[in-house]
Amino acid sequence: MSIFSKLYHKIDERFQINDLISFMKKKEVPLYRGTIWYYFGGITLLLFIIQVVTGILLLLYYKGSADIAFESVQFISAKVKFGWLIRSIHSWSANLMVLAAFIHMFSVFFTKAYRKPRELSWYSGFILLVLAMGFGFTGYLLPWNELSLFATKVGTDITKTIPFVGEYIMNILRGGEEVTGATLSRFFGFHVALLPGIFIFFLAAHLIFIQRQGMAAPEDWDEMSDKKKINIPFFPNFMMRDLLIWLIIINVLSILAVFFPWELGKKAEELAPAPAGIKPEWYFLFMFQTLKLIPAKLSVIDGEVFGVMMFGLAGLFWFLIPFWDRKTPRGKKWYWINYLGIFVIIFILVFTIIGFIT
């Protein structure tokens, strides 16, 4: 018996790894034209892991203080070996993670994988998407540059329009009435401590739900003949395919980071006038552009307040889709809820594009 076999035997005696491998081998994944969508959950997980690793490396040099935050990022980019690359990978992977999470959410929506008994997988996944966007919002301010300062002012101003509690939420986020060094310190704490802790909790729950219930089969799976039903083992077949896609994503991320490095811009000045064309990150742009198009006054209610309330209600409705769709016949492939999903995608794409070009 080789030294590796002995080591494996000793570990297996204590942790029963063979039982875990047997469980993974018994798990099967439906193989059909929609199987490609199953990989986006794993892609999102990979990008989160990259975020954690690169974030820890950046923390070795970053200083979360308004006096030296910009200079510390400048030092990382200019003086630390491969610091510019790590920062660029961190920024690009953050954006790609949100994109992968959106694609994963819509793939789950259109394959109806949120239905019983997978409601908790949908709820936890939706919360993870919101938290990922929260990572982007809080991390955007950390370089303490001109664009991030005024974009954060715009973003936190919107929270003020929430009825009854808006002013209170804005003060919690900002650490006062204005975006200052106190805001930077709070966002730094949210970004590296609070949000990761919450995210890991829901991620663990999400992964447990998926491992316990397996991948959702297509709607007409039960009606298909046994000859047409093809399942592949999760381990090693599906896992090896997953790892291959991970390698492709790592290559794409590396190309983006090397050839399109993330710029730093100018240092933030709290008393300086806002530069023209301030916009939020792309995944908030459709909401930002929609609020801009709503008239200032709608009867007795402010237009911005109305817009924020509508987005809040729409988000709640989307979150509760498993409740609204629970009585829909599983065999029916095309009905109103599919049109709703298509409308949401078109709405997001159109208003995001308008936001970019205006």
Protein backbone atom coordinates (compact mmCIF):
# COMPACT_ATOMS: atom_id res chain seq x y z
CA MET A 1 0.00 0.00 0.00
CA SER A 2 1.43 3.40 -1.03
CA ILE A 3 1.80 6.33 1.34
CA PHE A 4 -1.12 8.11 -0.36
CA SER A 5 -3.35 5.06 0.00
CA LYS A 6 -2.47 4.83 3.70
CA LEU A 7 -3.18 8.53 4.18
CA TYR A 8 -6.51 8.23 2.38
CA HIS A 9 -7.42 5.18 4.47
CA LYS A 10 -6.69 7.02 7.71
CA ILE A 11 -8.74 10.06 6.64
CA ASP A 12 -11.59 7.82 5.46
CA GLU A 13 -11.62 6.02 8.83
CA ARG A 14 -12.30 9.35 10.54
CA PHE A 15 -14.50 11.21 8.05
CA GLN A 16 -16.11 8.43 5.96
CA ILE A 17 -15.12 10.02 2.63
CA ASN A 18 -16.19 6.88 0.75
CA ASP A 19 -19.77 7.46 1.91
CA LEU A 20 -19.65 11.00 0.50
CA ILE A 21 -18.25 9.77 -2.83
CA SER A 22 -20.92 7.05 -2.99
CA PHE A 23 -23.61 9.68 -2.37
CA MET A 24 -22.19 11.88 -5.15
CA LYS A 25 -22.06 8.93 -7.54
CA LYS A 26 -25.71 8.11 -6.89
CA LYS A 27 -26.75 11.69 -7.72
CA GLU A 28 -27.74 12.12 -11.34
CA VAL A 29 -28.20 15.17 -13.57
CA PRO A 30 -30.73 15.23 -16.44
CA LEU A 31 -28.96 15.58 -19.79
CA TYR A 32 -31.02 17.55 -22.34
CA ARG A 33 -30.83 20.77 -24.36
CA GLY A 34 -31.31 22.91 -21.23
CA THR A 35 -28.53 21.28 -19.20
CA ILE A 36 -26.19 24.19 -20.03
CA TRP A 37 -28.15 26.39 -17.63
CA TYR A 38 -27.22 24.13 -14.71
CA TYR A 39 -23.62 25.36 -14.89
CA PHE A 40 -24.32 29.01 -14.05
CA GLY A 41 -24.85 28.25 -10.37
CA GLY A 42 -21.36 26.73 -10.27
CA ILE A 43 -19.94 29.69 -12.21
CA THR A 44 -21.39 32.08 -9.64
CA LEU A 45 -19.84 30.01 -6.85
CA LEU A 46 -16.43 30.05 -8.59
CA LEU A 47 -16.51 33.82 -8.98
CA PHE A 48 -17.46 34.23 -5.32
CA ILE A 49 -14.45 32.09 -4.33
CA ILE A 50 -12.24 34.31 -6.50
CA GLN A 51 -13.76 37.35 -4.80
CA VAL A 52 -12.88 35.98 -1.38
CA VAL A 53 -9.29 35.06 -2.32
CA THR A 54 -8.50 38.34 -4.11
CA GLY A 55 -10.33 40.33 -1.42
CA ILE A 56 -8.13 38.82 1.30
CA LEU A 57 -5.01 39.69 -0.73
CA LEU A 58 -6.19 43.28 -1.18
CA LEU A 59 -6.91 43.56 2.55
CA LEU A 60 -3.21 43.07 3.26
CA TYR A 61 -2.57 46.56 1.89
CA TYR A 62 -5.91 48.41 1.80
CA LYS A 63 -6.63 51.05 4.47
CA GLY A 64 -10.30 51.79 5.10
CA SER A 65 -9.88 55.46 6.02
CA ALA A 66 -10.85 58.48 3.94
CA ASP A 67 -7.40 60.01 4.51
CA ILE A 68 -5.43 57.16 2.95
CA ALA A 69 -7.92 54.82 1.22
CA PHE A 70 -7.22 56.25 -2.24
CA GLU A 71 -3.45 56.26 -1.64
CA SER A 72 -3.54 52.63 -0.44
CA VAL A 73 -5.32 51.53 -3.64
CA GLN A 74 -2.83 53.60 -5.63
CA PHE A 75 0.00 51.83 -3.80
CA ILE A 76 -1.55 48.42 -4.54
CA SER A 77 -1.85 49.27 -8.23
CA ALA A 78 1.58 50.87 -8.68
CA LYS A 79 3.95 49.39 -6.09
CA VAL A 80 2.75 45.94 -5.00
CA LYS A 81 3.85 43.17 -7.34
CA PHE A 82 0.86 42.11 -9.42
CA GLY A 83 -1.32 44.32 -7.20
CA TRP A 84 -2.95 45.92 -10.23
CA LEU A 85 -3.80 42.45 -11.54
CA ILE A 86 -5.33 41.25 -8.28
CA ARG A 87 -7.41 44.43 -8.02
CA SER A 88 -8.54 44.11 -11.62
CA ILE A 89 -9.47 40.43 -11.14
CA HIS A 90 -11.41 41.37 -8.01
CA SER A 91 -13.36 44.08 -9.82
CA TRP A 92 -14.09 42.06 -12.95
CA SER A 93 -15.06 38.94 -11.00
CA ALA A 94 -17.50 41.03 -8.93
CA ASN A 95 -19.30 42.16 -12.09
CA LEU A 96 -19.22 38.72 -13.67
CA MET A 97 -20.56 37.17 -10.47
CA VAL A 98 -23.62 39.42 -10.53
CA LEU A 99 -24.12 38.68 -14.24
CA ALA A 100 -23.84 34.92 -13.66
CA ALA A 101 -26.25 35.17 -10.73
CA PHE A 102 -28.81 37.01 -12.91
CA ILE A 103 -28.50 34.38 -15.66
CA HIS A 104 -28.82 31.61 -13.08
CA MET A 105 -31.93 33.22 -11.60
CA PHE A 106 -33.67 33.57 -14.98
CA SER A 107 -32.71 30.02 -15.99
CA VAL A 108 -34.29 28.73 -12.78
CA PHE A 109 -37.33 30.90 -13.50
CA PHE A 110 -37.91 29.64 -17.05
CA THR A 111 -37.24 25.98 -16.19
CA LYS A 112 -39.72 26.31 -13.29
CA ALA A 113 -37.15 24.89 -10.88
CA TYR A 114 -38.60 27.07 -8.11
CA ARG A 115 -41.69 24.92 -7.76
CA LYS A 116 -42.41 22.47 -4.96
CA PRO A 117 -40.29 21.08 -3.36
CA ARG A 118 -37.59 23.64 -4.33
CA GLU A 119 -39.16 26.83 -2.99
CA LEU A 120 -36.42 27.33 -0.37
CA SER A 121 -33.74 27.03 -3.07
CA TRP A 122 -35.41 29.92 -4.93
CA TYR A 123 -35.81 32.07 -1.81
CA SER A 124 -32.20 31.55 -0.69
CA GLY A 125 -30.92 32.13 -4.24
CA PHE A 126 -32.85 35.39 -4.54
CA ILE A 127 -31.37 36.59 -1.24
CA LEU A 128 -27.89 35.66 -2.49
CA LEU A 129 -28.43 37.79 -5.62
CA VAL A 130 -29.49 40.78 -3.51
CA LEU A 131 -26.44 40.30 -1.27
CA ALA A 132 -24.17 40.09 -4.35
CA MET A 133 -25.55 43.44 -5.50
CA GLY A 134 -24.95 44.72 -1.97
CA PHE A 135 -21.30 43.64 -2.31
CA GLY A 136 -21.07 45.71 -5.47
CA PHE A 137 -22.71 48.76 -3.92
CA THR A 138 -20.53 48.80 -0.81
CA GLY A 139 -17.32 47.86 -2.62
CA TYR A 140 -17.77 50.62 -5.20
CA LEU A 141 -16.99 53.31 -2.60
CA LEU A 142 -13.86 51.70 -1.16
CA PRO A 143 -11.30 53.16 -3.64
CA TRP A 144 -12.59 56.57 -2.47
CA ASN A 145 -12.38 58.12 -5.91
CA GLU A 146 -14.48 60.86 -7.45
CA LEU A 147 -16.95 58.65 -9.29
CA SER A 148 -17.52 56.29 -6.36
CA LEU A 149 -18.16 59.17 -3.92
CA PHE A 150 -20.88 60.84 -5.97
CA ALA A 151 -22.40 57.57 -7.18
CA THR A 152 -22.76 56.58 -3.51
CA LYS A 153 -24.40 59.93 -2.78
CA VAL A 154 -26.93 59.27 -5.53
CA GLY A 155 -27.54 55.68 -4.39
CA THR A 156 -28.00 56.51 -0.72
CA ASP A 157 -30.21 59.49 -1.61
CA ILE A 158 -32.65 57.07 -3.21
CA THR A 159 -33.06 55.18 0.08
CA LYS A 160 -34.30 58.42 1.63
CA THR A 161 -37.45 58.19 -0.50
CA ILE A 162 -38.58 54.95 1.20
CA PRO A 163 -41.72 55.86 3.17
CA PHE A 164 -41.42 56.18 6.98
CA VAL A 165 -37.97 54.55 7.37
CA GLY A 166 -36.03 56.04 4.42
CA GLU A 167 -34.31 58.81 6.38
CA TYR A 168 -33.32 56.38 9.11
CA ILE A 169 -31.87 53.85 6.62
CA MET A 170 -29.91 56.58 4.83
CA ASN A 171 -28.36 57.77 8.10
CA ILE A 172 -27.39 54.19 9.01
CA LEU A 173 -25.72 53.71 5.63
CA ARG A 174 -23.94 57.06 5.62
CA GLY A 175 -23.13 57.31 9.30
CA GLY A 176 -24.64 60.79 9.22
CA GLU A 177 -26.49 63.08 6.85
CA GLU A 178 -23.74 63.25 4.22
CA VAL A 179 -21.36 60.81 2.52
CA THR A 180 -18.11 61.26 4.45
CA GLY A 181 -15.20 59.24 5.81
CA ALA A 182 -17.67 57.70 8.25
CA THR A 183 -19.59 56.30 5.27
CA LEU A 184 -16.40 54.77 3.90
CA SER A 185 -15.68 53.09 7.25
CA ARG A 186 -19.21 51.69 7.41
CA PHE A 187 -19.17 50.43 3.84
CA PHE A 188 -15.78 48.83 4.50
CA GLY A 189 -17.24 46.99 7.49
CA PHE A 190 -20.32 45.95 5.53
CA HIS A 191 -18.19 44.76 2.60
CA VAL A 192 -15.59 42.67 4.45
CA ALA A 193 -17.48 41.48 7.54
CA LEU A 194 -21.27 41.81 7.65
CA LEU A 195 -22.22 40.90 4.07
CA PRO A 196 -19.75 37.98 3.76
CA GLY A 197 -21.06 36.46 6.99
CA ILE A 198 -24.68 36.66 5.84
CA PHE A 199 -23.75 35.52 2.33
CA ILE A 200 -21.90 32.41 3.51
CA PHE A 201 -24.85 31.42 5.71
CA PHE A 202 -27.35 31.59 2.83
CA LEU A 203 -24.85 30.05 0.41
CA ALA A 204 -24.40 27.05 2.70
CA ALA A 205 -28.18 26.67 3.01
CA HIS A 206 -28.60 27.02 -0.76
CA LEU A 207 -25.99 24.36 -1.50
CA ILE A 208 -27.50 21.98 1.08
CA PHE A 209 -30.95 22.36 -0.50
CA ILE A 210 -29.55 21.65 -3.98
CA GLN A 211 -27.48 18.66 -2.84
CA ARG A 212 -30.44 17.23 -0.97
CA GLN A 213 -33.00 17.69 -3.75
CA GLY A 214 -30.79 17.42 -6.83
CA MET A 215 -31.13 19.19 -10.17
CA ALA A 216 -34.63 19.94 -11.39
CA ALA A 217 -35.70 17.93 -14.42
CA PRO A 218 -37.49 19.63 -17.37
CA GLU A 219 -41.25 20.00 -17.17
CA ASP A 220 -42.01 17.22 -19.65
CA TRP A 221 -39.47 14.78 -18.13
CA ASP A 222 -42.14 12.50 -16.68
CA GLU A 223 -43.94 12.30 -20.02
CA MET A 224 -40.81 11.33 -21.97
CA SER A 225 -40.11 7.70 -22.84
CA ASP A 226 -37.37 5.91 -20.92
CA LYS A 227 -35.22 5.81 -24.06
CA LYS A 228 -35.17 9.60 -24.30
CA LYS A 229 -34.41 10.13 -20.63
CA ILE A 230 -30.66 10.47 -20.20
CA ASN A 231 -29.08 11.03 -16.80
CA ILE A 232 -25.38 11.45 -16.08
CA PRO A 233 -23.77 10.87 -12.67
CA PHE A 234 -22.97 14.06 -10.78
CA PHE A 235 -19.55 12.61 -9.90
CA PRO A 236 -17.40 12.45 -11.88
CA ASN A 237 -19.24 13.24 -15.17
CA PHE A 238 -21.07 16.46 -14.35
CA MET A 239 -18.35 17.66 -11.97
CA MET A 240 -15.66 17.27 -14.65
CA ARG A 241 -17.76 19.29 -17.10
CA ASP A 242 -18.27 21.90 -14.39
CA LEU A 243 -14.51 22.11 -13.81
CA LEU A 244 -13.90 22.52 -17.56
CA ILE A 245 -16.29 25.47 -17.66
CA TRP A 246 -14.56 26.90 -14.58
CA LEU A 247 -11.26 26.82 -16.49
CA ILE A 248 -12.88 28.68 -19.39
CA ILE A 249 -14.28 31.32 -17.02
CA ILE A 250 -10.87 31.75 -15.34
CA ASN A 251 -9.32 32.31 -18.79
CA VAL A 252 -11.96 34.88 -19.73
CA LEU A 253 -11.51 36.64 -16.39
CA SER A 254 -7.72 36.70 -16.84
CA ILE A 255 -8.02 38.21 -20.33
CA LEU A 256 -10.37 40.93 -19.08
CA ALA A 257 -8.14 41.72 -16.10
CA VAL A 258 -4.94 41.93 -18.17
CA PHE A 259 -6.18 43.77 -21.24
CA PHE A 260 -8.86 45.91 -19.57
CA PRO A 261 -7.42 46.77 -16.12
CA TRP A 262 -9.72 48.56 -13.70
CA GLU A 263 -9.01 52.30 -13.59
CA LEU A 264 -8.65 54.24 -10.34
CA GLY A 265 -9.57 57.77 -11.38
CA LYS A 266 -9.20 60.89 -9.24
CA LYS A 267 -9.26 61.06 -5.47
CA ALA A 268 -12.63 62.00 -3.95
CA GLU A 269 -13.16 65.52 -2.64
CA GLU A 270 -16.26 65.82 -0.50
CA LEU A 271 -16.77 69.55 -1.18
CA ALA A 272 -16.12 69.38 -4.92
CA PRO A 273 -19.06 69.64 -7.37
CA ALA A 274 -20.35 66.40 -8.82
CA PRO A 275 -18.85 65.54 -12.24
CA ALA A 276 -21.19 65.17 -15.18
CA GLY A 277 -22.59 61.77 -16.09
CA ILE A 278 -22.53 60.09 -12.67
CA LYS A 279 -24.10 56.65 -12.96
CA PRO A 280 -24.34 53.58 -10.72
CA GLU A 281 -22.96 50.15 -11.57
CA TRP A 282 -24.59 48.48 -14.59
CA TYR A 283 -26.79 46.16 -12.51
CA PHE A 284 -28.47 49.19 -10.88
CA LEU A 285 -28.65 51.18 -14.09
CA PHE A 286 -32.09 50.01 -15.23
CA MET A 287 -33.61 51.15 -11.92
CA PHE A 288 -31.68 54.43 -11.99
CA GLN A 289 -32.80 55.17 -15.56
CA THR A 290 -36.42 54.32 -14.79
CA LEU A 291 -36.48 56.70 -11.81
CA LYS A 292 -35.08 59.45 -14.03
CA LEU A 293 -37.98 59.07 -16.47
CA ILE A 294 -40.74 59.23 -13.84
CA PRO A 295 -42.21 62.75 -13.49
CA ALA A 296 -41.28 64.67 -10.34
CA LYS A 297 -44.91 64.68 -9.15
CA LEU A 298 -47.62 62.08 -9.66
CA SER A 299 -50.85 63.44 -8.23
CA VAL A 300 -50.21 63.61 -4.46
CA ILE A 301 -47.05 61.47 -4.39
CA ASP A 302 -43.47 62.26 -5.42
CA GLY A 303 -42.42 60.46 -8.58
CA GLU A 304 -39.21 59.10 -7.04
CA VAL A 305 -41.09 57.74 -4.03
CA PHE A 306 -43.59 56.09 -6.35
CA GLY A 307 -40.78 54.53 -8.41
CA VAL A 308 -38.96 53.14 -5.36
CA MET A 309 -42.22 51.69 -4.01
CA MET A 310 -42.99 50.03 -7.36
CA PHE A 311 -39.53 48.47 -7.54
CA GLY A 312 -39.92 47.25 -3.97
CA LEU A 313 -43.30 45.65 -4.72
CA ALA A 314 -41.97 44.15 -7.97
CA GLY A 315 -39.02 42.64 -6.08
CA LEU A 316 -41.36 41.18 -3.46
CA PHE A 317 -43.62 39.75 -6.18
CA TRP A 318 -40.60 38.16 -7.90
CA PHE A 319 -39.36 36.75 -4.60
CA LEU A 320 -42.77 35.13 -4.01
CA ILE A 321 -43.05 33.55 -7.47
CA PRO A 322 -43.15 30.00 -5.99
CA PHE A 323 -46.28 31.05 -4.07
CA TRP A 324 -48.01 32.61 -7.11
CA ASP A 325 -47.12 29.80 -9.50
CA ARG A 326 -47.67 26.84 -7.21
CA LYS A 327 -51.06 25.91 -8.75
CA THR A 328 -49.96 26.13 -12.38
CA PRO A 329 -50.14 22.71 -14.11
CA ARG A 330 -46.61 21.36 -14.49
CA GLY A 331 -47.21 19.95 -17.95
CA LYS A 332 -48.14 23.32 -19.46
CA LYS A 333 -45.02 24.90 -20.96
CA TRP A 334 -46.10 28.35 -22.06
CA TYR A 335 -48.40 30.63 -20.09
CA TRP A 336 -48.56 34.12 -18.62
CA ILE A 337 -45.70 33.69 -16.17
CA ASN A 338 -43.28 33.01 -19.06
CA TYR A 339 -44.38 36.26 -20.68
CA LEU A 340 -43.72 38.00 -17.38
CA GLY A 341 -40.14 36.70 -17.33
CA ILE A 342 -39.56 37.80 -20.94
CA PHE A 343 -40.95 41.24 -20.14
CA VAL A 344 -38.62 41.59 -17.13
CA ILE A 345 -35.56 40.64 -19.22
CA ILE A 346 -36.49 43.06 -22.03
CA PHE A 347 -37.20 45.82 -19.50
CA ILE A 348 -33.82 45.36 -17.79
CA LEU A 349 -31.90 45.19 -21.08
CA VAL A 350 -33.63 48.18 -22.70
CA PHE A 351 -33.31 50.52 -19.72
CA THR A 352 -29.72 49.41 -19.07
CA ILE A 353 -28.78 50.21 -22.68
CA ILE A 354 -30.60 53.55 -22.49
CA GLY A 355 -28.73 54.31 -19.28
CA PHE A 356 -25.38 53.59 -20.97
CA ILE A 357 -25.96 55.71 -24.05
CA THR A 358 -27.59 58.74 -22.38
